Amino acid sequence: ALAAGLAEAAFRHSVVAGQEALHLSAAGEAILHFEKARQLIRETPLVGAEFDAQLNDLYMQLSRAYELHGQPEQVLALKAEQAALALKRP
């Protein structure tokens, strides 16, 4: 999806891969996939109500992965970033 320039599909695939990694108790691997999805958000502004729900889910799951990986400072930083994004979105 990334090679084809399909940012929305790449975002969805990264989130699904992160979810699968969490399901397998591979928090470090989940972080890699969720961070890729987070990077895509920064590079390509995706919009829409469905995307907003996916974005909230991404931050929740990424926070959970960092928590399981023993990185509580990252959890706090994500919560602050999510709040700031919510203020910017229409």
Protein backbone atom coordinates (compact mmCIF):
# COMPACT_ATOMS: atom_id res chain seq x y z
CA ALA A 1 0.00 0.00 0.00
CA LEU A 2 2.85 2.40 0.80
CA ALA A 3 4.62 1.67 -2.49
CA ALA A 4 1.39 2.34 -4.36
CA GLY A 5 0.86 5.64 -2.54
CA LEU A 6 -2.27 4.43 -0.77
CA ALA A 7 -1.81 6.13 2.61
CA GLU A 8 -5.25 5.23 3.94
CA ALA A 9 -4.81 1.53 3.15
CA ALA A 10 -1.27 1.58 4.58
CA PHE A 11 -2.65 3.15 7.75
CA ARG A 12 -5.30 0.43 8.09
CA HIS A 13 -2.81 -2.37 7.40
CA SER A 14 -0.38 -0.99 9.99
CA VAL A 15 -3.12 -0.81 12.61
CA VAL A 16 -4.27 -4.36 11.88
CA ALA A 17 -0.69 -5.64 12.06
CA GLY A 18 -0.28 -3.90 15.42
CA GLN A 19 -3.51 -5.41 16.70
CA GLU A 20 -2.36 -8.89 15.68
CA ALA A 21 0.99 -8.36 17.39
CA LEU A 22 -0.78 -7.28 20.59
CA HIS A 23 -3.00 -10.33 20.35
CA LEU A 24 0.16 -12.45 20.24
CA SER A 25 1.60 -10.60 23.27
CA ALA A 26 4.32 -9.03 21.12
CA ALA A 27 4.12 -5.47 22.47
CA GLY A 28 7.42 -4.38 20.90
CA GLU A 29 6.30 -5.52 17.46
CA ALA A 30 2.90 -3.88 17.97
CA ILE A 31 4.61 -0.59 18.78
CA LEU A 32 6.50 -0.71 15.47
CA HIS A 33 3.29 -1.17 13.47
CA PHE A 34 1.27 1.36 15.44
CA GLU A 35 4.08 3.92 15.18
CA LYS A 36 4.10 3.43 11.40
CA ALA A 37 0.37 4.22 11.36
CA ARG A 38 1.03 7.26 13.57
CA GLN A 39 3.74 8.43 11.16
CA LEU A 40 1.31 8.12 8.25
CA ILE A 41 -1.10 10.41 10.10
CA ARG A 42 1.59 13.06 10.34
CA GLU A 43 2.54 12.77 6.67
CA THR A 44 -0.92 12.44 5.14
CA PRO A 45 -3.90 14.14 6.77
CA LEU A 46 -6.76 11.66 6.61
CA VAL A 47 -10.23 12.95 7.43
CA GLY A 48 -13.73 11.68 8.10
CA ALA A 49 -15.78 10.36 11.00
CA GLU A 50 -14.68 6.78 10.38
CA PHE A 51 -11.04 7.84 10.36
CA ASP A 52 -11.51 9.78 13.61
CA ALA A 53 -12.74 6.60 15.29
CA GLN A 54 -9.76 4.68 13.88
CA LEU A 55 -7.40 7.40 15.09
CA ASN A 56 -8.78 7.21 18.62
CA ASP A 57 -8.46 3.44 18.51
CA LEU A 58 -4.87 3.72 17.29
CA TYR A 59 -3.89 5.94 20.21
CA MET A 60 -5.65 3.67 22.69
CA GLN A 61 -3.92 0.56 21.36
CA LEU A 62 -0.52 2.21 21.02
CA SER A 63 -0.82 3.42 24.61
CA ARG A 64 -1.66 -0.13 25.68
CA ALA A 65 1.36 -1.51 23.80
CA TYR A 66 3.69 1.02 25.46
CA GLU A 67 2.15 0.20 28.83
CA LEU A 68 2.76 -3.52 28.29
CA HIS A 69 6.29 -2.76 27.11
CA GLY A 70 7.00 -0.88 30.35
CA GLN A 71 7.13 2.64 28.94
CA PRO A 72 4.65 4.72 30.96
CA GLU A 73 6.25 8.02 29.88
CA GLN A 74 5.29 7.22 26.29
CA VAL A 75 1.70 6.62 27.40
CA LEU A 76 1.54 10.10 28.93
CA ALA A 77 3.06 11.68 25.83
CA LEU A 78 0.53 9.92 23.61
CA LYS A 79 -2.40 11.10 25.72
CA ALA A 80 -1.16 14.69 25.44
CA GLU A 81 -0.67 14.33 21.67
CA GLN A 82 -4.11 12.82 21.24
CA ALA A 83 -5.69 15.69 23.17
CA ALA A 84 -3.84 18.23 21.02
CA LEU A 85 -4.97 16.48 17.83
CA ALA A 86 -8.56 16.46 19.02
CA LEU A 87 -8.42 20.25 19.42
CA LYS A 88 -7.10 20.71 15.87
CA ARG A 89 -9.64 18.46 14.14
CA PRO A 90 -12.90 19.98 12.88
